[in-house]
N, C-alpha and C. Protein backbone atom coordinates (compact mmCIF):
# COMPACT_ATOMS: atom_id res chain seq x y z
N UNK A 1 37.22 65.16 116.25
CA UNK A 1 36.59 64.97 117.54
C UNK A 1 36.92 63.59 118.04
N UNK A 2 37.08 63.44 119.34
CA UNK A 2 37.34 62.14 119.97
C UNK A 2 36.17 61.74 120.84
N UNK A 3 35.85 60.44 120.81
CA UNK A 3 34.77 59.87 121.61
C UNK A 3 35.15 58.42 121.90
N UNK A 4 34.74 57.89 123.05
CA UNK A 4 35.05 56.49 123.29
C UNK A 4 34.16 55.62 122.40
N UNK A 5 34.67 54.46 122.06
CA UNK A 5 33.90 53.53 121.24
C UNK A 5 32.63 53.14 121.99
N UNK A 6 32.73 52.96 123.31
CA UNK A 6 31.56 52.59 124.11
C UNK A 6 30.48 53.68 124.03
N UNK A 7 30.87 54.94 124.08
CA UNK A 7 29.91 56.04 123.98
C UNK A 7 29.27 56.08 122.60
N UNK A 8 30.06 55.87 121.57
CA UNK A 8 29.54 55.85 120.21
C UNK A 8 28.49 54.74 120.05
N UNK A 9 28.78 53.57 120.59
CA UNK A 9 27.83 52.45 120.52
C UNK A 9 26.59 52.73 121.37
N UNK A 10 26.79 53.38 122.52
CA UNK A 10 25.64 53.72 123.38
C UNK A 10 24.67 54.63 122.64
N UNK A 11 25.21 55.61 121.95
CA UNK A 11 24.37 56.53 121.18
C UNK A 11 23.61 55.75 120.11
N UNK A 12 24.30 54.88 119.41
CA UNK A 12 23.65 54.10 118.35
C UNK A 12 22.52 53.25 118.92
N UNK A 13 22.76 52.60 120.05
CA UNK A 13 21.76 51.70 120.63
C UNK A 13 20.56 52.46 121.21
N UNK A 14 20.70 53.72 121.51
CA UNK A 14 19.59 54.53 122.01
C UNK A 14 18.69 55.04 120.89
N UNK A 15 19.17 55.00 119.67
CA UNK A 15 18.37 55.51 118.55
C UNK A 15 17.12 54.67 118.35
N UNK A 16 15.99 55.30 118.09
CA UNK A 16 14.77 54.56 117.82
C UNK A 16 14.88 53.78 116.51
N UNK A 17 14.07 52.75 116.39
CA UNK A 17 14.03 51.95 115.17
C UNK A 17 13.79 52.86 113.97
N UNK A 18 14.52 52.62 112.92
CA UNK A 18 14.37 53.41 111.70
C UNK A 18 15.30 54.61 111.62
N UNK A 19 16.05 54.88 112.68
CA UNK A 19 16.92 56.06 112.70
C UNK A 19 18.08 55.95 111.72
N UNK A 20 18.64 54.75 111.57
CA UNK A 20 19.75 54.59 110.63
C UNK A 20 19.28 54.96 109.22
N UNK A 21 18.11 54.48 108.85
CA UNK A 21 17.55 54.79 107.53
C UNK A 21 17.27 56.29 107.41
N UNK A 22 16.73 56.88 108.46
CA UNK A 22 16.41 58.31 108.46
C UNK A 22 17.68 59.14 108.28
N UNK A 23 18.74 58.79 109.01
CA UNK A 23 20.01 59.51 108.89
C UNK A 23 20.57 59.34 107.48
N UNK A 24 20.57 58.11 106.98
CA UNK A 24 21.10 57.85 105.64
C UNK A 24 20.35 58.64 104.58
N UNK A 25 19.03 58.63 104.66
CA UNK A 25 18.22 59.36 103.68
C UNK A 25 18.47 60.86 103.75
N UNK A 26 18.55 61.40 104.97
CA UNK A 26 18.74 62.84 105.11
C UNK A 26 20.11 63.31 104.62
N UNK A 27 21.10 62.42 104.69
CA UNK A 27 22.45 62.78 104.26
C UNK A 27 22.78 62.24 102.87
N UNK A 28 21.81 61.53 102.27
CA UNK A 28 21.99 60.95 100.94
C UNK A 28 23.19 60.01 100.88
N UNK A 29 23.26 59.10 101.87
CA UNK A 29 24.32 58.10 101.93
C UNK A 29 23.69 56.73 102.14
N UNK A 30 24.47 55.68 102.01
CA UNK A 30 24.00 54.32 102.22
C UNK A 30 23.76 54.06 103.71
N UNK A 31 22.74 53.26 104.01
CA UNK A 31 22.48 52.88 105.40
C UNK A 31 23.69 52.19 106.02
N UNK A 32 24.37 51.35 105.24
CA UNK A 32 25.53 50.63 105.78
C UNK A 32 26.65 51.59 106.15
N UNK A 33 26.75 52.71 105.48
CA UNK A 33 27.75 53.72 105.85
C UNK A 33 27.47 54.24 107.25
N UNK A 34 26.19 54.46 107.57
CA UNK A 34 25.81 54.91 108.92
C UNK A 34 26.15 53.82 109.93
N UNK A 35 25.83 52.57 109.60
CA UNK A 35 26.16 51.46 110.51
C UNK A 35 27.67 51.36 110.72
N UNK A 36 28.45 51.50 109.64
CA UNK A 36 29.91 51.46 109.74
C UNK A 36 30.42 52.57 110.66
N UNK A 37 29.81 53.73 110.58
CA UNK A 37 30.20 54.86 111.42
C UNK A 37 30.08 54.51 112.90
N UNK A 38 29.04 53.74 113.23
CA UNK A 38 28.79 53.37 114.62
C UNK A 38 29.44 52.06 115.02
N UNK A 39 30.34 51.52 114.21
CA UNK A 39 31.12 50.37 114.64
C UNK A 39 31.06 49.14 113.77
N UNK A 40 30.14 49.07 112.82
CA UNK A 40 30.10 47.93 111.91
C UNK A 40 31.30 48.01 110.96
N UNK A 41 31.64 46.91 110.34
CA UNK A 41 32.79 46.90 109.44
C UNK A 41 32.48 46.21 108.12
N UNK A 42 31.36 46.54 107.51
CA UNK A 42 30.98 45.96 106.23
C UNK A 42 31.25 46.99 105.13
N UNK A 43 32.51 47.20 104.85
CA UNK A 43 32.89 48.25 103.92
C UNK A 43 32.60 47.88 102.46
N UNK A 44 32.33 46.59 102.18
CA UNK A 44 31.98 46.22 100.82
C UNK A 44 30.55 46.66 100.50
N UNK A 45 29.75 47.00 101.53
CA UNK A 45 28.38 47.45 101.32
C UNK A 45 28.19 48.94 101.58
N UNK A 46 29.05 49.54 102.36
CA UNK A 46 28.95 50.97 102.68
C UNK A 46 30.30 51.61 102.52
N UNK A 47 30.33 52.90 102.64
CA UNK A 47 31.58 53.63 102.47
C UNK A 47 32.41 53.64 103.75
N UNK A 48 33.69 53.91 103.57
CA UNK A 48 34.59 54.17 104.69
C UNK A 48 34.16 55.49 105.31
N UNK A 49 34.18 55.59 106.62
CA UNK A 49 33.59 56.75 107.28
C UNK A 49 34.58 57.71 107.92
N UNK A 50 35.86 57.57 107.67
CA UNK A 50 36.83 58.53 108.16
C UNK A 50 36.98 58.56 109.66
N UNK A 51 37.28 57.42 110.23
CA UNK A 51 37.50 57.36 111.67
C UNK A 51 38.70 56.48 111.95
N UNK A 52 39.30 56.66 113.10
CA UNK A 52 40.43 55.86 113.54
C UNK A 52 40.17 55.47 114.98
N UNK A 53 40.34 54.18 115.29
CA UNK A 53 40.13 53.70 116.66
C UNK A 53 41.48 53.37 117.27
N UNK A 54 41.75 53.97 118.41
CA UNK A 54 42.98 53.71 119.16
C UNK A 54 42.61 52.85 120.36
N UNK A 55 43.29 51.75 120.56
CA UNK A 55 42.99 50.84 121.67
C UNK A 55 43.04 51.56 123.01
N UNK A 56 42.19 51.09 123.93
CA UNK A 56 42.16 51.66 125.26
C UNK A 56 40.91 51.24 126.00
N UNK A 57 40.69 51.78 127.20
CA UNK A 57 39.50 51.46 127.98
C UNK A 57 38.22 51.87 127.24
N UNK A 58 37.12 51.23 127.58
CA UNK A 58 35.81 51.51 126.97
C UNK A 58 35.82 51.32 125.46
N UNK A 59 36.59 50.34 125.00
CA UNK A 59 36.64 50.05 123.57
C UNK A 59 37.62 50.91 122.81
N UNK A 60 38.28 51.79 123.50
CA UNK A 60 39.26 52.66 122.85
C UNK A 60 38.68 54.03 122.52
N UNK A 61 39.51 54.84 121.94
CA UNK A 61 39.13 56.19 121.55
C UNK A 61 38.94 56.21 120.03
N UNK A 62 37.82 56.76 119.61
CA UNK A 62 37.53 56.89 118.19
C UNK A 62 37.76 58.35 117.80
N UNK A 63 38.65 58.56 116.85
CA UNK A 63 38.89 59.89 116.32
C UNK A 63 38.05 60.01 115.06
N UNK A 64 37.06 60.89 115.10
CA UNK A 64 36.13 61.07 113.99
C UNK A 64 36.50 62.34 113.23
N UNK A 65 36.68 62.20 111.94
CA UNK A 65 37.06 63.34 111.09
C UNK A 65 35.85 64.21 110.75
N UNK A 66 34.68 63.60 110.58
CA UNK A 66 33.47 64.32 110.19
C UNK A 66 32.34 63.87 111.11
N UNK A 67 31.81 64.78 111.90
CA UNK A 67 30.79 64.40 112.89
C UNK A 67 29.35 64.60 112.40
N UNK A 68 29.15 64.69 111.09
CA UNK A 68 27.82 64.93 110.53
C UNK A 68 26.83 63.83 110.94
N UNK A 69 27.24 62.57 110.85
CA UNK A 69 26.36 61.46 111.21
C UNK A 69 26.08 61.49 112.71
N UNK A 70 27.09 61.72 113.51
CA UNK A 70 26.91 61.78 114.95
C UNK A 70 25.98 62.93 115.34
N UNK A 71 26.13 64.06 114.69
CA UNK A 71 25.26 65.21 114.96
C UNK A 71 23.81 64.87 114.61
N UNK A 72 23.60 64.19 113.49
CA UNK A 72 22.24 63.78 113.10
C UNK A 72 21.65 62.81 114.12
N UNK A 73 22.45 61.89 114.62
CA UNK A 73 21.99 60.93 115.62
C UNK A 73 21.62 61.64 116.92
N UNK A 74 22.46 62.57 117.35
CA UNK A 74 22.18 63.31 118.58
C UNK A 74 20.92 64.17 118.44
N UNK A 75 20.69 64.70 117.24
CA UNK A 75 19.49 65.48 117.00
C UNK A 75 18.25 64.60 117.16
N UNK A 76 18.29 63.39 116.62
CA UNK A 76 17.18 62.45 116.76
C UNK A 76 16.94 62.12 118.23
N UNK A 77 18.01 61.85 118.95
CA UNK A 77 17.88 61.53 120.38
C UNK A 77 17.27 62.71 121.14
N UNK A 78 17.67 63.91 120.80
CA UNK A 78 17.12 65.11 121.44
C UNK A 78 15.63 65.25 121.14
N UNK A 79 15.26 65.02 119.88
CA UNK A 79 13.85 65.11 119.49
C UNK A 79 13.00 64.07 120.23
N UNK A 80 13.52 62.86 120.36
CA UNK A 80 12.78 61.79 121.05
C UNK A 80 12.65 62.13 122.53
N UNK A 81 13.71 62.65 123.12
CA UNK A 81 13.72 62.98 124.54
C UNK A 81 12.68 64.04 124.87
N UNK A 82 12.51 65.01 123.97
CA UNK A 82 11.61 66.12 124.25
C UNK A 82 10.29 66.04 123.49
N UNK A 83 10.01 64.90 122.89
CA UNK A 83 8.75 64.72 122.17
C UNK A 83 7.59 64.62 123.17
N UNK A 84 6.49 65.19 122.80
CA UNK A 84 5.31 65.09 123.66
C UNK A 84 4.51 63.87 123.23
N UNK A 85 4.00 63.11 124.21
CA UNK A 85 3.27 61.88 123.87
C UNK A 85 1.95 62.13 123.18
C-alpha cells in the first residue's frame, strides 16, 4: 500500500494519548516499533517495520508492506470519532 508521509504522520498525530501503547499491546510488539512505523527512526529500540520512503511532495510516498499497524490506528480513530460522550 502507498500513502504519503504527511498522511501517515497526520494519522499518528490524531491518535488519542495512549494509542501507541494500545496498538503495541494488541499486536504484541514493542511501542517503539509502532513509533517507527509512523516515522520515528529508533531501530535500536524497536523493530524495522517494512516500509520504504520515496522522496516527493508531502514528505514523499511511503510504501508499506504490512498495514496491520495502520489498520489498528484507523480503527482507534474510527472508535473515537463515533464514541458517545
